[in-house]
Amino acid sequence: MDPTIDFAAIYRLAANIIRENGHNKGDYYRIPETGVGIELAPAECPVCAAGAISIALTGAPKPDGWDVPLVEAAVRRLLEHLIPGYKRAMAIWDLGVLWNDVPERTADDVIAAFEDAARAEETAGVKAA
């Protein structure tokens, strides 16, 4: 783990992004239909959990090639909170398929998961000090 990454802060920001933008399934983000003359930037659109993490870290809902390792690290860490023993290779993909995109998942679920992960990261930091 990179000690310079504040995972708790990333997860709290991602929770707020879902609160403000809304939750999306099936892709990093969805451009909603808006009124005439109203256009949203991708970072303002409803996003999936990985998209919210990507915005928190990079400002964009879909990480480009340079940003993928950083986003992957934060997503992997989140999956370790959500799925104890998680060890698969493609965390960004798995977050969508195994968790975010399941039919019963709601925005409130995603927000709660981010907040729980943030608290767990803070608690782990206190114990490690």
Protein backbone atom coordinates (compact mmCIF):
# COMPACT_ATOMS: atom_id res chain seq x y z
CA MET A 1 0.00 0.00 0.00
CA ASP A 2 1.21 3.49 -0.84
CA PRO A 3 1.28 5.39 2.47
CA THR A 4 0.73 8.71 0.67
CA ILE A 5 -2.77 7.70 -0.49
CA ASP A 6 -5.47 8.75 1.96
CA PHE A 7 -8.05 6.07 1.14
CA ALA A 8 -10.49 7.36 3.77
CA ALA A 9 -10.55 10.81 2.14
CA ILE A 10 -10.96 9.25 -1.32
CA TYR A 11 -13.92 7.16 -0.16
CA ARG A 12 -15.61 10.10 1.57
CA LEU A 13 -15.23 12.22 -1.56
CA ALA A 14 -16.55 9.34 -3.72
CA ALA A 15 -19.60 9.05 -1.42
CA ASN A 16 -20.27 12.76 -1.90
CA ILE A 17 -19.90 12.41 -5.67
CA ILE A 18 -22.59 9.70 -5.71
CA ARG A 19 -24.80 11.91 -3.51
CA GLU A 20 -24.42 14.87 -5.86
CA ASN A 21 -24.25 13.16 -9.28
CA GLY A 22 -26.37 10.07 -8.73
CA HIS A 23 -25.58 6.38 -9.16
CA ASN A 24 -25.06 4.59 -12.48
CA LYS A 25 -24.85 0.93 -13.40
CA GLY A 26 -23.31 -0.70 -16.45
CA ASP A 27 -20.67 1.93 -17.24
CA TYR A 28 -18.46 4.48 -15.52
CA TYR A 29 -20.96 7.27 -16.16
CA ARG A 30 -24.19 8.08 -17.97
CA ILE A 31 -24.94 11.39 -19.63
CA PRO A 32 -28.56 12.06 -18.71
CA GLU A 33 -30.99 13.68 -21.09
CA THR A 34 -31.17 17.32 -20.12
CA GLY A 35 -33.10 20.38 -21.22
CA VAL A 36 -32.19 22.35 -24.32
CA GLY A 37 -28.87 24.13 -23.90
CA ILE A 38 -27.97 22.24 -20.74
CA GLU A 39 -24.91 20.02 -21.01
CA LEU A 40 -23.20 18.17 -18.21
CA ALA A 41 -19.52 17.38 -18.14
CA PRO A 42 -18.80 13.66 -17.60
CA ALA A 43 -17.62 14.43 -14.03
CA GLU A 44 -21.11 15.86 -13.30
CA CYS A 45 -23.02 12.81 -14.54
CA PRO A 46 -24.36 9.83 -12.56
CA VAL A 47 -21.45 7.43 -11.97
CA CYS A 48 -20.75 3.91 -10.81
CA ALA A 49 -18.65 3.28 -7.69
CA ALA A 50 -15.45 3.03 -9.76
CA GLY A 51 -16.39 6.20 -11.61
CA ALA A 52 -16.83 8.05 -8.31
CA ILE A 53 -13.40 6.88 -7.16
CA SER A 54 -11.92 7.94 -10.49
CA ILE A 55 -13.43 11.43 -10.19
CA ALA A 56 -12.13 11.69 -6.62
CA LEU A 57 -8.61 10.84 -7.80
CA THR A 58 -8.39 12.25 -11.33
CA GLY A 59 -11.34 14.57 -11.94
CA ALA A 60 -12.71 12.28 -14.68
CA PRO A 61 -15.20 9.40 -14.28
CA LYS A 62 -13.29 7.06 -16.58
CA PRO A 63 -9.58 6.76 -15.84
CA ASP A 64 -7.20 7.01 -18.77
CA GLY A 65 -4.20 4.72 -19.13
CA TRP A 66 -1.98 6.77 -16.84
CA ASP A 67 -4.54 6.91 -14.03
CA VAL A 68 -5.68 3.29 -14.05
CA PRO A 69 -3.11 1.99 -11.50
CA LEU A 70 -4.06 4.66 -8.95
CA VAL A 71 -7.80 4.09 -9.42
CA GLU A 72 -7.26 0.31 -9.42
CA ALA A 73 -5.47 0.54 -6.05
CA ALA A 74 -8.35 2.44 -4.45
CA VAL A 75 -10.97 0.14 -6.02
CA ARG A 76 -9.05 -2.96 -4.90
CA ARG A 77 -8.88 -1.63 -1.36
CA LEU A 78 -12.63 -0.94 -1.40
CA LEU A 79 -13.32 -4.48 -2.65
CA GLU A 80 -11.22 -5.86 0.21
CA HIS A 81 -13.66 -4.10 2.57
CA LEU A 82 -16.72 -5.31 0.66
CA ILE A 83 -15.61 -8.87 -0.09
CA PRO A 84 -13.29 -10.25 2.62
CA GLY A 85 -10.50 -12.27 1.04
CA TYR A 86 -10.86 -10.54 -2.35
CA LYS A 87 -7.76 -11.36 -4.44
CA ARG A 88 -8.79 -11.31 -8.12
CA ALA A 89 -6.79 -9.51 -10.81
CA MET A 90 -9.19 -6.94 -12.27
CA ALA A 91 -10.63 -4.92 -9.40
CA ILE A 92 -12.16 -2.12 -11.49
CA TRP A 93 -14.09 -4.66 -13.60
CA ASP A 94 -15.05 -6.74 -10.56
CA LEU A 95 -16.41 -3.78 -8.62
CA GLY A 96 -18.97 -3.29 -11.37
CA VAL A 97 -19.82 -6.90 -12.11
CA LEU A 98 -19.67 -8.35 -8.59
CA TRP A 99 -21.05 -5.44 -6.63
CA ASN A 100 -22.08 -2.09 -8.19
CA ASP A 101 -24.20 -3.44 -11.05
CA VAL A 102 -26.24 -6.08 -9.21
CA PRO A 103 -29.95 -5.30 -9.61
CA GLU A 104 -30.64 -4.64 -5.95
CA ARG A 105 -27.72 -2.19 -5.45
CA THR A 106 -28.84 1.37 -4.71
CA ALA A 107 -27.12 4.73 -4.45
CA ASP A 108 -27.63 4.55 -0.68
CA ASP A 109 -25.83 1.17 -0.62
CA VAL A 110 -22.86 2.62 -2.51
CA ILE A 111 -22.69 5.70 -0.28
CA ALA A 112 -22.87 3.53 2.86
CA ALA A 113 -20.11 1.24 1.53
CA PHE A 114 -17.83 4.21 0.87
CA GLU A 115 -18.51 5.64 4.32
CA ASP A 116 -17.96 2.27 6.02
CA ALA A 117 -14.68 1.80 4.12
CA ALA A 118 -13.57 5.33 5.10
CA ARG A 119 -14.25 4.60 8.78
CA ALA A 120 -12.41 1.28 8.53
CA GLU A 121 -9.41 3.02 6.94
CA GLU A 122 -9.37 5.64 9.69
CA THR A 123 -9.62 2.98 12.39
CA ALA A 124 -6.81 0.98 10.79
CA GLY A 125 -4.67 4.13 10.68
CA VAL A 126 -5.25 4.76 14.38
CA LYS A 127 -4.32 1.18 15.26
CA ALA A 128 -1.18 1.29 13.12
CA ALA A 129 0.14 4.48 14.74
